[in-house]
Amino acid sequence: MTEAEKLAVLRIMCGGVPADGDWSDEVLTAHLTLAGRKIIDRAYPFDAGVTEVPERYGQLQCEIACYMLNRRGSEGQTSHSENGISRAYESSGVPESMLEAVTPMCGVPS
């Protein structure tokens, strides 16, 4: 999945249109970058030189970015209840349940 395809998929997932300020290319790209870094940090915990998200995690990158975008304004919320609506988050960052699909790579230096 190319970066342009990820951007298009993320925009559709979040229901935004290009004219909306919250869903501008810059905002979406920033969240894709942050989501990609979360995946890379999990996949390559001992290799800080990796900068590209593996192809097989492209969809997960979009899902994590969408999750992060949808939480804007309520970051770190552990519980909220108002008018019959309740919110609670698994963690202050990306939920472990989303990152458990990422297989960490490790090896022995040559």
C-alpha atoms as a PDB file:
ATOM      1  CA  MET A   1       0.000   0.000   0.000  1.00  0.00           C
ATOM      2  CA  THR A   2       1.505   3.342  -1.025  1.00  0.00           C
ATOM      3  CA  GLU A   3       1.470   6.419   1.204  1.00  0.00           C
ATOM      4  CA  ALA A   4      -1.182   7.992  -1.055  1.00  0.00           C
ATOM      5  CA  GLU A   5      -3.345   4.885  -0.716  1.00  0.00           C
ATOM      6  CA  LYS A   6      -2.936   4.922   3.070  1.00  0.00           C
ATOM      7  CA  LEU A   7      -3.954   8.580   3.112  1.00  0.00           C
ATOM      8  CA  ALA A   8      -7.084   7.833   1.036  1.00  0.00           C
ATOM      9  CA  VAL A   9      -8.021   4.824   3.177  1.00  0.00           C
ATOM     10  CA  LEU A  10      -7.520   6.775   6.401  1.00  0.00           C
ATOM     11  CA  ARG A  11      -9.689   9.634   5.147  1.00  0.00           C
ATOM     12  CA  ILE A  12     -12.484   7.176   4.307  1.00  0.00           C
ATOM     13  CA  MET A  13     -12.137   5.329   7.626  1.00  0.00           C
ATOM     14  CA  CYS A  14     -12.437   8.555   9.599  1.00  0.00           C
ATOM     15  CA  GLY A  15     -15.263   9.944   7.469  1.00  0.00           C
ATOM     16  CA  GLY A  16     -13.440  13.149   6.629  1.00  0.00           C
ATOM     17  CA  VAL A  17     -13.283  15.092   3.402  1.00  0.00           C
ATOM     18  CA  PRO A  18     -10.317  17.141   2.161  1.00  0.00           C
ATOM     19  CA  ALA A  19     -12.015  20.481   2.936  1.00  0.00           C
ATOM     20  CA  ASP A  20     -12.335  19.680   6.641  1.00  0.00           C
ATOM     21  CA  GLY A  21      -9.477  21.185   8.686  1.00  0.00           C
ATOM     22  CA  ASP A  22      -9.231  18.177  11.001  1.00  0.00           C
ATOM     23  CA  TRP A  23      -8.859  15.847   8.040  1.00  0.00           C
ATOM     24  CA  SER A  24      -6.330  17.826   6.002  1.00  0.00           C
ATOM     25  CA  ASP A  25      -3.534  15.898   4.315  1.00  0.00           C
ATOM     26  CA  GLU A  26      -1.080  17.302   6.863  1.00  0.00           C
ATOM     27  CA  VAL A  27      -3.103  16.091   9.872  1.00  0.00           C
ATOM     28  CA  LEU A  28      -3.731  12.653   8.364  1.00  0.00           C
ATOM     29  CA  THR A  29      -0.099  12.253   7.279  1.00  0.00           C
ATOM     30  CA  ALA A  30       1.127  13.213  10.753  1.00  0.00           C
ATOM     31  CA  HIS A  31      -1.094  10.562  12.332  1.00  0.00           C
ATOM     32  CA  LEU A  32      -0.001   7.956   9.776  1.00  0.00           C
ATOM     33  CA  THR A  33       3.614   8.770  10.655  1.00  0.00           C
ATOM     34  CA  LEU A  34       2.931   8.423  14.387  1.00  0.00           C
ATOM     35  CA  ALA A  35       1.068   5.149  13.845  1.00  0.00           C
ATOM     36  CA  GLY A  36       3.901   3.876  11.654  1.00  0.00           C
ATOM     37  CA  ARG A  37       6.429   4.680  14.356  1.00  0.00           C
ATOM     38  CA  LYS A  38       4.390   2.677  16.903  1.00  0.00           C
ATOM     39  CA  ILE A  39       4.429  -0.320  14.555  1.00  0.00           C
ATOM     40  CA  ILE A  40       8.140   0.002  13.767  1.00  0.00           C
ATOM     41  CA  ASP A  41       9.017   0.313  17.467  1.00  0.00           C
ATOM     42  CA  ARG A  42       7.080  -2.892  18.173  1.00  0.00           C
ATOM     43  CA  ALA A  43       8.334  -4.801  15.137  1.00  0.00           C
ATOM     44  CA  TYR A  44      11.994  -3.801  15.527  1.00  0.00           C
ATOM     45  CA  PRO A  45      12.594  -3.171  19.234  1.00  0.00           C
ATOM     46  CA  PHE A  46      16.364  -3.495  18.908  1.00  0.00           C
ATOM     47  CA  ASP A  47      16.915  -1.719  15.581  1.00  0.00           C
ATOM     48  CA  ALA A  48      16.456   2.056  15.708  1.00  0.00           C
ATOM     49  CA  GLY A  49      17.557   2.361  12.073  1.00  0.00           C
ATOM     50  CA  VAL A  50      14.322   1.002  10.581  1.00  0.00           C
ATOM     51  CA  THR A  51      12.178   3.785   9.107  1.00  0.00           C
ATOM     52  CA  GLU A  52       9.750   2.000   6.781  1.00  0.00           C
ATOM     53  CA  VAL A  53       6.584   0.253   7.966  1.00  0.00           C
ATOM     54  CA  PRO A  54       6.574  -3.319   6.631  1.00  0.00           C
ATOM     55  CA  GLU A  55       4.051  -3.762   3.815  1.00  0.00           C
ATOM     56  CA  ARG A  56       1.997  -6.303   5.746  1.00  0.00           C
ATOM     57  CA  TYR A  57       1.224  -3.690   8.427  1.00  0.00           C
ATOM     58  CA  GLY A  58      -0.116  -1.003   6.060  1.00  0.00           C
ATOM     59  CA  GLN A  59      -3.745  -1.639   6.986  1.00  0.00           C
ATOM     60  CA  LEU A  60      -2.899  -1.750  10.691  1.00  0.00           C
ATOM     61  CA  GLN A  61      -1.112   1.592  10.317  1.00  0.00           C
ATOM     62  CA  CYS A  62      -4.345   3.100   8.959  1.00  0.00           C
ATOM     63  CA  GLU A  63      -6.398   1.539  11.765  1.00  0.00           C
ATOM     64  CA  ILE A  64      -4.068   2.880  14.474  1.00  0.00           C
ATOM     65  CA  ALA A  65      -3.993   6.337  12.871  1.00  0.00           C
ATOM     66  CA  CYS A  66      -7.808   6.372  12.737  1.00  0.00           C
ATOM     67  CA  TYR A  67      -7.980   5.323  16.392  1.00  0.00           C
ATOM     68  CA  MET A  68      -5.604   8.142  17.332  1.00  0.00           C
ATOM     69  CA  LEU A  69      -7.571  10.698  15.295  1.00  0.00           C
ATOM     70  CA  ASN A  70     -10.876   9.659  16.818  1.00  0.00           C
ATOM     71  CA  ARG A  71      -9.491  10.118  20.346  1.00  0.00           C
ATOM     72  CA  ARG A  72      -8.397  13.694  19.770  1.00  0.00           C
ATOM     73  CA  GLY A  73      -9.729  15.923  22.509  1.00  0.00           C
ATOM     74  CA  SER A  74     -10.066  13.101  25.009  1.00  0.00           C
ATOM     75  CA  GLU A  75      -6.462  11.884  25.216  1.00  0.00           C
ATOM     76  CA  GLY A  76      -5.655   9.895  28.325  1.00  0.00           C
ATOM     77  CA  GLN A  77      -9.280   9.499  29.334  1.00  0.00           C
ATOM     78  CA  THR A  78      -9.730   6.568  31.701  1.00  0.00           C
ATOM     79  CA  SER A  79     -13.456   6.954  32.294  1.00  0.00           C
ATOM     80  CA  HIS A  80     -16.258   9.277  31.271  1.00  0.00           C
ATOM     81  CA  SER A  81     -19.992   8.998  31.696  1.00  0.00           C
ATOM     82  CA  GLU A  82     -22.509  11.559  30.555  1.00  0.00           C
ATOM     83  CA  ASN A  83     -26.150  11.268  29.461  1.00  0.00           C
ATOM     84  CA  GLY A  84     -25.953   7.497  29.114  1.00  0.00           C
ATOM     85  CA  ILE A  85     -22.668   7.545  27.180  1.00  0.00           C
ATOM     86  CA  SER A  86     -19.653   5.928  28.804  1.00  0.00           C
ATOM     87  CA  ARG A  87     -16.042   6.068  27.627  1.00  0.00           C
ATOM     88  CA  ALA A  88     -12.931   4.366  28.928  1.00  0.00           C
ATOM     89  CA  TYR A  89      -9.628   3.637  27.219  1.00  0.00           C
ATOM     90  CA  GLU A  90      -7.487   0.533  27.421  1.00  0.00           C
ATOM     91  CA  SER A  91      -4.308   2.560  27.742  1.00  0.00           C
ATOM     92  CA  SER A  92      -3.092   6.124  27.387  1.00  0.00           C
ATOM     93  CA  GLY A  93      -1.475   5.290  24.050  1.00  0.00           C
ATOM     94  CA  VAL A  94      -2.355   2.777  21.383  1.00  0.00           C
ATOM     95  CA  PRO A  95      -4.189  -0.199  22.905  1.00  0.00           C
ATOM     96  CA  GLU A  96      -2.170  -3.357  23.290  1.00  0.00           C
ATOM     97  CA  SER A  97      -4.927  -5.222  21.460  1.00  0.00           C
ATOM     98  CA  MET A  98      -4.070  -3.287  18.278  1.00  0.00           C
ATOM     99  CA  LEU A  99      -0.327  -3.826  18.557  1.00  0.00           C
ATOM    100  CA  GLU A 100      -0.492  -7.527  19.385  1.00  0.00           C
ATOM    101  CA  ALA A 101      -0.759  -8.239  15.645  1.00  0.00           C
ATOM    102  CA  VAL A 102       2.812  -6.943  15.189  1.00  0.00           C
ATOM    103  CA  THR A 103       5.458  -9.651  15.422  1.00  0.00           C
ATOM    104  CA  PRO A 104       8.697  -8.338  16.948  1.00  0.00           C
ATOM    105  CA  MET A 105      11.843  -9.124  14.969  1.00  0.00           C
ATOM    106  CA  CYS A 106      15.060  -9.948  16.706  1.00  0.00           C
ATOM    107  CA  GLY A 107      18.341 -11.439  15.725  1.00  0.00           C
ATOM    108  CA  VAL A 108      21.966 -11.873  16.581  1.00  0.00           C
ATOM    109  CA  PRO A 109      24.390  -9.232  15.295  1.00  0.00           C
ATOM    110  CA  SER A 110      26.854 -10.606  12.791  1.00  0.00           C
END
